[in-house]
Amino acid sequence: MNIRQLTTIALLASIGLGGCATMSGDECMTSDWHAIGFEDGSRGYNSDRLRNHRKACAKHGVTPDFQAYQTGRDQGLDQFCQPSRAFNLGVNGGSYNGVCSAHGEVDFVDAYNSGYHLHNLRSQVISASNQIHYKEQELDRNKDLMRTKEADLIANETTVQDRILILADLKELAESNGHLEAEIIGLIEDRAVHEQEVASYEAMLASADY
């Protein structure tokens, strides 16, 4: 099994079936099933979407117009199954539901994979930035606590025993700060690498017509 087949299988496995209550009673009663099909197709929903509509509307005694829905959905899929849509779907971290016809799916999946890879690269930058932020906040809290303990250390009412405990706490906080500062430096370096990866990949994609 090649990489393309494995990728397609992984994408199909991520299909979201959605809930059954896709439509209200009023919507069922007044629905333009062609328009609903077009909307579902243009959003890349799979055929289970109609089954969910049928379940929702059955409670209100309404049966979907399958032919109108299917005609609309096919037209919607014509708009959805374009490489540019696939790329945007991937960039935004969306899931592909395996709805495009076989003859057009190869290009769609290639574009989706390109977008999703860029999404992952950008996510690494965001993750590193978030970790840096959290580590810096922890470092700031430690420094605030150290200042409080340093003030307690020299306070007249502080006993000798308390000073011994405070000194131990200050030593532990200083060691923690050292580890945090090293981690922050490492994360900043990692983020710079990820940013370069994003820039390089974006430059490579510049020639793609997405």
Protein backbone atom coordinates (compact mmCIF):
# COMPACT_ATOMS: atom_id res chain seq x y z
CA MET A 1 0.00 0.00 0.00
CA ASN A 2 1.53 3.34 -1.03
CA ILE A 3 1.62 6.63 0.85
CA ARG A 4 -1.26 8.12 -1.15
CA GLN A 5 -3.50 5.18 -0.28
CA LEU A 6 -2.56 5.36 3.38
CA THR A 7 -3.26 9.09 3.41
CA THR A 8 -6.65 8.63 1.81
CA ILE A 9 -7.58 5.93 4.31
CA ALA A 10 -6.53 8.19 7.19
CA LEU A 11 -8.63 11.01 5.80
CA LEU A 12 -11.65 8.79 5.38
CA ALA A 13 -11.27 7.60 8.97
CA SER A 14 -11.70 11.18 10.16
CA ILE A 15 -15.19 11.56 8.70
CA GLY A 16 -17.55 13.36 11.06
CA LEU A 17 -21.05 11.96 11.04
CA GLY A 18 -22.61 14.84 12.93
CA GLY A 19 -25.73 14.74 15.09
CA CYS A 20 -29.17 13.59 13.98
CA ALA A 21 -30.91 16.87 14.81
CA THR A 22 -29.60 18.63 11.71
CA MET A 23 -32.88 20.48 11.07
CA SER A 24 -35.75 21.92 13.10
CA GLY A 25 -39.42 21.23 12.45
CA ASP A 26 -39.93 24.57 10.70
CA GLU A 27 -36.89 23.95 8.52
CA CYS A 28 -38.19 20.52 7.55
CA MET A 29 -41.58 21.95 6.60
CA THR A 30 -40.24 24.79 4.45
CA SER A 31 -37.08 23.19 3.04
CA ASP A 32 -35.79 23.59 -0.46
CA TRP A 33 -34.09 20.20 -0.72
CA HIS A 34 -32.09 21.21 -3.77
CA ALA A 35 -30.67 24.17 -1.87
CA ILE A 36 -29.96 22.02 1.19
CA GLY A 37 -28.17 19.46 -0.98
CA PHE A 38 -26.12 22.19 -2.62
CA GLU A 39 -25.16 23.62 0.77
CA ASP A 40 -24.16 20.21 2.11
CA GLY A 41 -22.18 19.40 -1.01
CA SER A 42 -20.36 22.73 -1.02
CA ARG A 43 -19.33 22.07 2.59
CA GLY A 44 -18.03 18.59 1.79
CA TYR A 45 -20.54 16.60 3.82
CA ASN A 46 -20.79 12.91 2.98
CA SER A 47 -24.00 11.00 2.16
CA ASP A 48 -24.72 10.36 5.85
CA ARG A 49 -25.80 13.98 6.05
CA LEU A 50 -29.06 13.21 4.22
CA ARG A 51 -29.71 10.27 6.52
CA ASN A 52 -29.41 12.65 9.46
CA HIS A 53 -31.79 15.09 7.76
CA ARG A 54 -34.24 12.22 7.19
CA LYS A 55 -34.13 11.23 10.87
CA ALA A 56 -34.60 14.83 12.01
CA CYS A 57 -37.54 15.46 9.66
CA ALA A 58 -39.23 12.09 10.26
CA LYS A 59 -40.19 13.38 13.70
CA HIS A 60 -42.24 16.04 11.94
CA GLY A 61 -43.75 13.81 9.27
CA VAL A 62 -41.55 15.20 6.48
CA THR A 63 -39.63 13.09 3.97
CA PRO A 64 -36.71 14.67 2.10
CA ASP A 65 -36.89 14.94 -1.67
CA PHE A 66 -33.96 12.66 -2.45
CA GLN A 67 -33.67 13.54 -6.13
CA ALA A 68 -33.69 17.29 -5.53
CA TYR A 69 -31.24 16.90 -2.66
CA GLN A 70 -28.87 14.71 -4.66
CA THR A 71 -28.93 17.03 -7.67
CA GLY A 72 -28.12 19.99 -5.42
CA ARG A 73 -25.43 18.07 -3.56
CA ASP A 74 -23.72 17.04 -6.80
CA GLN A 75 -23.63 20.69 -7.87
CA GLY A 76 -22.27 21.69 -4.47
CA LEU A 77 -19.58 19.03 -4.69
CA ASP A 78 -18.48 20.46 -8.03
CA GLN A 79 -17.60 23.63 -6.13
CA PHE A 80 -16.13 21.85 -3.13
CA CYS A 81 -13.91 19.37 -4.98
CA GLN A 82 -11.39 21.93 -6.17
CA PRO A 83 -7.70 21.98 -5.20
CA SER A 84 -8.02 25.51 -3.83
CA ARG A 85 -10.82 24.42 -1.49
CA ALA A 86 -8.82 21.34 -0.51
CA PHE A 87 -5.78 23.45 0.34
CA ASN A 88 -7.83 25.88 2.44
CA LEU A 89 -9.51 22.97 4.20
CA GLY A 90 -6.13 21.51 5.11
CA VAL A 91 -4.62 24.85 6.16
CA ASN A 92 -7.51 25.36 8.57
CA GLY A 93 -7.09 21.87 10.04
CA GLY A 94 -10.38 20.56 8.62
CA SER A 95 -11.20 16.94 7.82
CA TYR A 96 -11.87 15.59 4.35
CA ASN A 97 -14.87 13.26 4.14
CA GLY A 98 -13.90 11.34 1.01
CA VAL A 99 -16.69 12.85 -1.08
CA CYS A 100 -14.91 13.79 -4.29
CA SER A 101 -15.14 11.58 -7.36
CA ALA A 102 -12.27 9.26 -8.13
CA HIS A 103 -11.02 11.18 -11.15
CA GLY A 104 -10.65 14.41 -9.20
CA GLU A 105 -9.68 13.05 -5.81
CA VAL A 106 -5.97 12.64 -6.49
CA ASP A 107 -5.46 16.37 -7.05
CA PHE A 108 -7.82 17.18 -4.18
CA VAL A 109 -5.93 14.97 -1.72
CA ASP A 110 -2.56 16.32 -2.87
CA ALA A 111 -3.74 19.88 -2.28
CA TYR A 112 -5.34 18.93 1.04
CA ASN A 113 -2.11 17.29 2.21
CA SER A 114 -0.12 20.38 1.25
CA GLY A 115 -2.49 22.60 3.22
CA TYR A 116 -2.60 20.27 6.20
CA HIS A 117 1.19 20.02 6.31
CA LEU A 118 1.37 23.82 6.40
CA HIS A 119 -1.26 23.77 9.15
CA ASN A 120 0.93 21.40 11.19
CA LEU A 121 4.05 23.50 10.65
CA ARG A 122 2.23 26.64 11.78
CA SER A 123 0.79 24.74 14.75
CA GLN A 124 4.34 23.92 15.87
CA VAL A 125 5.17 27.63 15.91
CA ILE A 126 2.02 28.39 17.89
CA SER A 127 2.71 25.54 20.32
CA ALA A 128 6.26 26.75 20.94
CA SER A 129 5.00 30.31 21.49
CA ASN A 130 2.38 29.09 23.96
CA GLN A 131 4.95 27.05 25.87
CA ILE A 132 7.28 30.05 26.01
CA HIS A 133 4.44 32.18 27.36
CA TYR A 134 3.56 29.64 30.08
CA LYS A 135 7.22 29.18 31.08
CA GLU A 136 7.72 32.95 31.28
CA GLN A 137 4.62 33.27 33.46
CA GLU A 138 5.93 30.54 35.77
CA LEU A 139 9.31 32.28 35.89
CA ASP A 140 7.64 35.59 36.79
CA ARG A 141 5.66 33.88 39.58
CA ASN A 142 8.85 32.36 40.95
CA LYS A 143 10.59 35.74 40.91
CA ASP A 144 7.67 37.37 42.72
CA LEU A 145 7.75 34.61 45.32
CA MET A 146 11.50 34.99 45.70
CA ARG A 147 11.12 38.72 46.36
CA THR A 148 8.52 37.98 49.03
CA LYS A 149 10.73 35.39 50.68
CA GLU A 150 13.78 37.67 50.51
CA ALA A 151 11.77 40.34 52.35
CA ASP A 152 10.72 37.74 54.94
CA LEU A 153 14.34 36.63 55.29
CA ILE A 154 15.50 40.02 56.55
CA ALA A 155 12.40 40.83 58.58
CA ASN A 156 13.13 41.39 62.28
CA GLU A 157 10.37 39.02 63.39
CA THR A 158 11.69 36.11 61.35
CA THR A 159 13.19 33.39 63.54
CA VAL A 160 16.46 31.61 62.87
CA GLN A 161 14.58 28.42 62.08
CA ASP A 162 12.32 30.24 59.64
CA ARG A 163 15.37 31.81 57.96
CA ILE A 164 16.85 28.36 57.41
CA LEU A 165 13.61 27.22 55.76
CA ILE A 166 13.37 30.40 53.66
CA LEU A 167 16.95 29.96 52.45
CA ALA A 168 16.12 26.41 51.39
CA ASP A 169 13.05 27.67 49.52
CA LEU A 170 15.10 30.38 47.81
CA LYS A 171 17.68 27.83 46.73
CA GLU A 172 14.96 25.61 45.27
CA LEU A 173 13.32 28.55 43.49
CA ALA A 174 16.67 29.68 42.05
CA GLU A 175 17.28 26.18 40.68
CA SER A 176 13.78 26.11 39.21
CA ASN A 177 14.38 29.49 37.59
CA GLY A 178 17.58 28.20 36.04
CA HIS A 179 15.73 25.25 34.52
CA LEU A 180 12.91 27.49 33.28
CA GLU A 181 15.33 29.96 31.66
CA ALA A 182 17.11 27.11 29.89
CA GLU A 183 13.79 25.68 28.70
CA ILE A 184 12.70 29.09 27.42
CA ILE A 185 15.94 29.50 25.47
CA GLY A 186 15.47 26.02 23.98
CA LEU A 187 11.87 26.77 23.04
CA ILE A 188 12.83 30.07 21.42
CA GLU A 189 15.41 28.21 19.34
CA ASP A 190 12.84 25.55 18.42
CA ARG A 191 10.34 28.22 17.42
CA ALA A 192 12.91 29.87 15.18
CA VAL A 193 13.50 26.52 13.44
CA HIS A 194 9.75 25.99 13.00
CA GLU A 195 9.32 29.52 11.65
CA GLN A 196 12.01 28.84 9.10
CA GLU A 197 10.29 25.60 8.12
CA VAL A 198 7.04 27.49 7.61
CA ALA A 199 8.75 30.15 5.52
CA SER A 200 10.52 27.56 3.38
CA TYR A 201 7.35 25.55 2.81
CA GLU A 202 5.32 28.65 2.00
CA ALA A 203 7.99 29.64 -0.53
CA MET A 204 7.78 26.19 -2.09
CA LEU A 205 3.99 26.47 -2.30
CA ALA A 206 4.16 29.88 -3.95
CA SER A 207 4.26 28.26 -7.38
CA ALA A 208 1.20 26.08 -6.66
CA ASP A 209 -2.09 27.43 -7.94
CA TYR A 210 -3.99 27.17 -4.66
